[in-house]
Protein backbone atom coordinates (compact mmCIF):
# COMPACT_ATOMS: atom_id res chain seq x y z
CA MET A 1 -64.41 206.11 11.59
CA LEU A 2 -63.46 205.21 8.02
CA LYS A 3 -66.27 202.74 7.43
CA ASP A 4 -68.82 205.34 8.52
CA ILE A 5 -67.90 207.85 5.79
CA LEU A 6 -67.22 205.62 2.76
CA PRO A 7 -70.06 204.80 0.33
CA LYS A 8 -71.30 201.22 0.43
CA GLU A 9 -70.12 200.64 -3.16
CA ILE A 10 -66.50 201.30 -2.14
CA LEU A 11 -66.70 199.11 0.95
CA ASP A 12 -68.26 196.25 -1.05
CA ASN A 13 -65.64 196.34 -3.82
CA LEU A 14 -62.46 197.10 -1.90
CA ARG A 15 -60.10 194.14 -2.14
CA TYR A 16 -58.19 195.06 1.02
CA LYS A 17 -59.10 195.13 4.69
CA LEU A 18 -59.74 198.68 5.91
CA GLU A 19 -57.22 198.28 8.73
CA ASP A 20 -54.48 197.65 6.12
CA VAL A 21 -55.30 200.79 4.11
CA CYS A 22 -53.26 203.88 5.03
CA GLU A 23 -54.76 206.28 2.46
CA LEU A 24 -57.51 206.43 -0.12
CA ARG A 25 -57.16 208.97 -2.94
CA LEU A 26 -60.41 209.74 -4.71
CA ARG A 27 -60.58 211.86 -7.86
CA LYS A 28 -63.84 212.40 -9.74
CA ASP A 29 -64.24 209.93 -12.64
CA LYS A 30 -60.79 208.39 -11.99
CA ASN A 31 -59.84 205.07 -10.41
CA ILE A 32 -59.41 205.16 -6.65
CA VAL A 33 -55.79 204.77 -5.55
CA ILE A 34 -54.99 203.36 -2.12
CA SER A 35 -51.86 203.11 -0.02
CA VAL A 36 -51.20 199.75 1.61
CA MET A 37 -48.15 199.62 3.88
CA GLY A 38 -46.71 202.67 2.13
CA LYS A 39 -47.22 201.35 -1.42
CA TYR A 40 -49.78 202.94 -3.76
CA VAL A 41 -51.95 200.61 -5.81
CA ASP A 42 -54.92 201.04 -8.15
CA ALA A 43 -58.02 199.82 -6.33
CA GLY A 44 -59.78 199.14 -9.63
CA ILE A 45 -62.83 201.18 -8.54
CA ARG A 46 -63.88 204.21 -10.58
CA CYS A 47 -64.83 207.12 -8.36
CA LEU A 48 -68.27 208.49 -9.11
CA PRO A 49 -68.63 212.27 -8.57
CA THR A 50 -71.52 211.66 -6.19
CA TRP A 51 -69.25 209.62 -3.91
CA ILE A 52 -67.03 212.62 -3.15
CA ASP A 53 -70.06 214.71 -2.25
CA GLU A 54 -71.39 211.89 -0.09
CA ILE A 55 -68.11 211.47 1.79
CA VAL A 56 -67.83 215.20 2.49
CA LEU A 57 -71.40 215.31 3.79
CA ARG A 58 -70.87 212.29 6.03
CA ALA A 59 -67.55 213.61 7.31
CA SER A 60 -69.18 216.92 8.23
CA ARG A 61 -72.16 215.14 9.76
CA PHE A 62 -74.32 216.66 7.06
CA SER A 63 -73.41 220.24 7.99
CA ILE A 64 -70.67 221.73 5.81
CA TYR A 65 -70.94 224.97 7.77
CA THR A 66 -69.67 223.30 10.95
CA VAL A 67 -66.39 222.26 9.27
CA ASN A 68 -65.82 225.38 7.18
CA GLU A 69 -62.92 226.57 9.35
CA GLN A 70 -61.18 223.29 8.58
CA LEU A 71 -62.14 223.46 4.91
CA LYS A 72 -60.45 226.85 4.66
CA ALA A 73 -57.25 225.08 5.71
CA GLY A 74 -57.79 222.33 3.14
CA PHE A 75 -58.96 219.42 5.28
CA ILE A 76 -61.78 217.89 7.29
CA ALA A 77 -61.06 216.12 10.58
CA VAL A 78 -63.35 213.16 11.21
CA LYS A 79 -64.12 211.73 14.62
CA GLY A 80 -61.80 208.83 15.33
CA GLY A 81 -58.69 210.46 13.89
CA VAL A 82 -59.42 210.17 10.16
CA ARG A 83 -58.27 213.23 8.22
CA ILE A 84 -59.48 214.15 4.74
CA GLY A 85 -57.40 216.42 2.53
CA VAL A 86 -59.57 218.40 0.12
CA CYS A 87 -59.00 219.86 -3.37
CA GLY A 88 -61.47 221.98 -5.27
CA GLU A 89 -62.39 225.57 -6.07
CA VAL A 90 -60.90 228.02 -3.56
CA VAL A 91 -63.21 230.96 -2.80
CA PRO A 92 -61.18 234.03 -1.74
CA ASP A 93 -62.45 236.87 0.42
CA GLY A 94 -59.87 239.60 0.03
CA GLN A 95 -56.60 238.24 1.42
CA VAL A 96 -58.18 235.27 3.21
CA ILE A 97 -59.85 232.05 2.09
CA LYS A 98 -63.61 232.00 2.53
CA THR A 99 -64.13 228.31 1.75
CA ILE A 100 -63.45 225.51 -0.76
CA LYS A 101 -66.35 224.44 -2.96
CA ASN A 102 -66.93 222.16 -5.97
CA ILE A 103 -64.64 219.57 -4.40
CA THR A 104 -62.99 217.33 -7.02
CA SER A 105 -60.59 215.12 -5.08
CA LEU A 106 -60.02 213.77 -1.58
CA ASN A 107 -57.07 212.23 0.25
CA ILE A 108 -58.45 210.17 3.14
CA ARG A 109 -55.80 209.26 5.70
CA ASN A 110 -56.59 206.29 7.91
CA PRO A 111 -54.70 206.52 11.24
CA ARG A 112 -53.18 203.47 12.83
CA GLU A 113 -51.68 202.44 16.12
CA ALA A 114 -48.30 200.72 16.55
CA ILE A 115 -47.72 199.95 20.20
CA GLY A 116 -44.00 199.98 21.02
CA CYS A 117 -42.84 201.66 17.81
CA SER A 118 -41.40 204.59 19.81
CA ASP A 119 -39.27 202.41 22.12
CA PRO A 120 -35.94 203.14 20.32
CA VAL A 121 -36.69 206.87 20.49
CA ALA A 122 -37.69 206.73 24.16
CA GLU A 123 -34.48 204.85 24.97
CA ARG A 124 -32.16 207.35 23.26
CA CYS A 125 -34.04 210.59 23.87
CA PHE A 126 -35.69 210.10 27.27
CA ASN A 127 -33.47 207.70 29.17
CA GLY A 128 -32.58 209.44 32.43
CA ARG A 129 -33.50 212.95 31.27
CA LEU A 130 -36.03 214.75 29.11
CA ASN A 131 -34.69 215.95 25.78
CA SER A 132 -36.88 218.15 23.61
CA THR A 133 -37.17 216.23 20.34
CA LEU A 134 -38.13 217.11 16.77
CA VAL A 135 -39.36 214.24 14.59
CA ILE A 136 -38.61 214.84 10.90
CA SER A 137 -39.88 213.11 7.78
CA LYS A 138 -41.69 213.62 4.54
CA PRO A 139 -45.50 213.19 4.65
CA GLY A 140 -46.77 209.68 5.26
CA ALA A 141 -43.64 208.29 6.91
CA GLY A 142 -45.13 207.66 10.34
CA LYS A 143 -44.52 210.81 12.41
CA THR A 144 -47.96 210.91 14.00
CA THR A 145 -47.93 207.18 14.73
CA LEU A 146 -44.58 207.53 16.51
CA ILE A 147 -45.52 210.50 18.70
CA ARG A 148 -48.84 208.84 19.53
CA ASP A 149 -46.92 205.91 20.98
CA LEU A 150 -44.58 208.32 22.79
CA CYS A 151 -47.63 209.78 24.56
CA ARG A 152 -48.39 206.32 25.93
CA SER A 153 -44.78 205.53 26.80
CA LEU A 154 -43.85 208.80 28.53
CA SER A 155 -47.09 209.13 30.48
CA ARG A 156 -46.39 205.73 32.03
CA LYS A 157 -43.12 207.06 33.45
CA ASN A 158 -45.15 209.19 35.88
CA LEU A 159 -44.64 212.26 33.71
CA ASN A 160 -47.32 214.87 33.13
CA VAL A 161 -47.79 214.70 29.35
CA LEU A 162 -49.92 217.31 27.58
CA VAL A 163 -50.99 216.46 24.02
CA LEU A 164 -51.97 219.33 21.73
CA ASP A 165 -54.18 217.40 19.31
CA GLU A 166 -55.01 220.09 16.78
CA ARG A 167 -57.00 217.85 14.41
CA GLY A 168 -57.86 214.89 16.67
CA GLU A 169 -55.42 212.65 14.78
CA ILE A 170 -53.16 211.75 17.70
CA SER A 171 -55.80 210.59 20.16
CA GLY A 172 -58.47 209.62 17.63
CA GLU A 173 -61.13 211.36 19.71
CA ALA A 174 -64.69 210.26 19.00
CA GLU A 175 -67.73 211.10 21.10
CA GLY A 176 -65.56 212.12 24.05
CA ARG A 177 -63.47 208.94 24.00
CA PHE A 178 -60.00 208.27 22.64
CA GLN A 179 -59.70 205.52 20.02
CA PHE A 180 -55.93 205.22 20.53
CA ASP A 181 -53.83 204.49 23.59
CA VAL A 182 -52.21 207.77 24.67
CA GLY A 183 -51.70 206.53 28.21
CA SER A 184 -52.73 208.92 30.98
CA SER A 185 -51.87 212.00 28.94
CA ASP A 186 -53.88 215.20 29.18
CA VAL A 187 -55.31 215.99 25.72
CA MET A 188 -56.21 219.45 24.45
CA LEU A 189 -58.34 219.00 21.33
CA TYR A 190 -58.88 221.18 18.27
CA CYS A 191 -56.94 224.23 19.45
CA SER A 192 -54.14 226.20 17.83
CA LYS A 193 -50.60 225.56 19.00
CA GLN A 194 -50.30 229.18 20.11
CA PHE A 195 -53.25 228.81 22.48
CA GLY A 196 -52.35 225.26 23.50
CA PHE A 197 -48.76 226.02 24.50
CA SER A 198 -49.65 229.22 26.36
CA PHE A 199 -52.67 227.79 28.16
CA GLY A 200 -51.10 224.41 28.78
CA VAL A 201 -47.96 225.71 30.48
CA ARG A 202 -50.02 227.93 32.81
CA ALA A 203 -52.89 225.60 33.58
CA MET A 204 -51.66 221.99 33.36
CA ARG A 205 -48.02 222.15 34.56
CA PRO A 206 -46.80 219.62 32.00
CA ASP A 207 -43.40 217.96 32.04
CA VAL A 208 -43.74 217.24 28.32
CA ILE A 209 -45.86 218.82 25.58
CA ILE A 210 -46.39 216.72 22.47
CA CYS A 211 -47.79 218.13 19.24
CA ASP A 212 -47.86 217.42 15.51
CA GLU A 213 -46.73 219.40 12.44
CA LEU A 214 -44.95 222.61 13.37
CA LYS A 215 -45.45 225.31 10.75
CA GLY A 216 -43.90 228.76 10.49
CA GLU A 217 -42.80 231.46 12.90
CA GLU A 218 -45.91 231.43 15.11
CA ASP A 219 -45.46 227.75 15.96
CA CYS A 220 -41.74 228.30 16.60
CA GLY A 221 -42.61 231.15 18.96
CA ALA A 222 -45.00 228.91 20.89
CA VAL A 223 -42.28 226.26 21.22
CA TYR A 224 -39.77 228.84 22.50
CA GLU A 225 -42.29 229.97 25.12
CA ALA A 226 -42.68 226.45 26.47
CA LEU A 227 -38.94 225.73 26.42
CA SER A 228 -38.20 228.95 28.29
CA CYS A 229 -40.53 227.72 31.03
CA GLY A 230 -38.54 224.50 31.39
CA VAL A 231 -41.04 222.28 29.57
CA CYS A 232 -39.83 219.50 27.28
CA VAL A 233 -41.37 219.64 23.79
CA VAL A 234 -41.84 216.80 21.31
CA ALA A 235 -43.02 217.91 17.88
CA THR A 236 -42.99 216.85 14.25
CA ILE A 237 -42.26 218.64 11.00
CA HIS A 238 -42.47 217.83 7.30
CA SER A 239 -38.99 217.77 5.78
CA GLY A 240 -36.76 215.39 3.88
CA GLY A 241 -33.92 215.81 6.40
CA VAL A 242 -32.03 218.17 8.66
CA GLU A 243 -30.22 219.93 5.81
CA GLU A 244 -33.49 220.61 4.05
CA LEU A 245 -34.99 221.84 7.32
CA MET A 246 -32.15 224.35 7.70
CA GLN A 247 -33.27 225.97 4.45
CA LYS A 248 -36.57 226.94 6.06
CA ARG A 249 -36.05 230.41 7.48
CA SER A 250 -38.55 229.92 10.29
CA PHE A 251 -36.72 226.90 11.66
CA LYS A 252 -33.08 227.75 11.11
CA GLY A 253 -32.97 229.87 14.26
CA ILE A 254 -34.61 227.28 16.48
CA ILE A 255 -32.13 224.64 15.28
CA GLU A 256 -29.10 226.89 15.77
CA SER A 257 -30.32 227.80 19.26
CA GLY A 258 -29.99 224.18 20.41
CA ALA A 259 -33.55 224.26 21.75
CA PHE A 260 -34.16 220.75 20.49
CA LYS A 261 -31.72 218.27 21.98
CA ARG A 262 -32.65 215.38 19.71
CA TYR A 263 -33.71 215.04 16.07
CA VAL A 264 -35.34 211.84 14.85
CA LEU A 265 -35.37 211.26 11.09
CA LEU A 266 -38.00 208.82 9.84
CA SER A 267 -38.29 207.04 6.50
CA ASP A 268 -41.02 205.07 4.73
CA GLU A 269 -38.46 202.46 3.68
CA PRO A 270 -38.65 199.55 4.21
CA ARG A 271 -41.96 200.59 5.82
CA PRO A 272 -43.47 203.78 7.26
CA GLY A 273 -42.07 204.65 10.68
CA SER A 274 -38.59 203.29 10.05
CA ILE A 275 -35.99 205.23 12.04
CA LYS A 276 -33.30 206.38 9.64
CA ALA A 277 -31.18 208.31 12.15
CA ILE A 278 -31.18 210.12 15.50
CA PHE A 279 -29.06 213.27 15.99
CA ASP A 280 -28.10 215.31 19.06
CA GLU A 281 -28.38 219.10 19.37
CA LYS A 282 -25.10 219.50 17.44
CA LEU A 283 -26.58 217.38 14.64
CA GLU A 284 -24.11 214.60 15.37
CA THR A 285 -25.40 211.09 14.76
CA ILE A 286 -26.14 209.01 17.86
CA LEU A 287 -28.02 206.25 15.99
């Protein structure tokens, strides 16, 4: 949880309630910047270098070794759904990353729950039939919050929903319990999408698989595998829009194939999670 990893000096001097803070950006010897309802403001608190080290230690439960696989990917996942983006000195080992050390800045993302925010999507994408859906937006516009609520909504329609929660952000898992309401979904934690899709289709017989942040050809291949087995897939991707997404070679084929029947475009205006448009498989606007 956020309050468990932040130094006391930050908690004592923060002028905002933690539940209202979406992100905290800490850079050594610079003022902390926070995001409140999608707007960045100067918190007026200078970040001491020791605070960054303290946060990393607390987030790793005082064992950097145990989170090194995450560090190599540039983040640390904290119990309860908090995710910390990390910048520092990358240590290469041939063609792979060995670790990141001498960390100089952190982006701490504080997850939130918005019960009912997915209702317009459920109505237009899952009313009477299951339509595989890709949720599109730039970072920080509410993709994870929306699919989290979809987990709750779809599982209550007597559907078998499998959640591939690669970083624990969707369910907010902590000590074997989920901090967020994902309904009666089955949750596969901390696994790759390639393993999760393959294992999940064989072992759990899902009607719907929900996952976050598709990346590259391997993830697209995993989605194809599930779709070819008749499973509905709901996923998210970072992009400014459908046209921009078409420029990504890995995703052009999956769009042209018509595998996804609905595309939901989110915006952070007037607030994160705002639905800008919904398209069908022919990219024609239906909302």
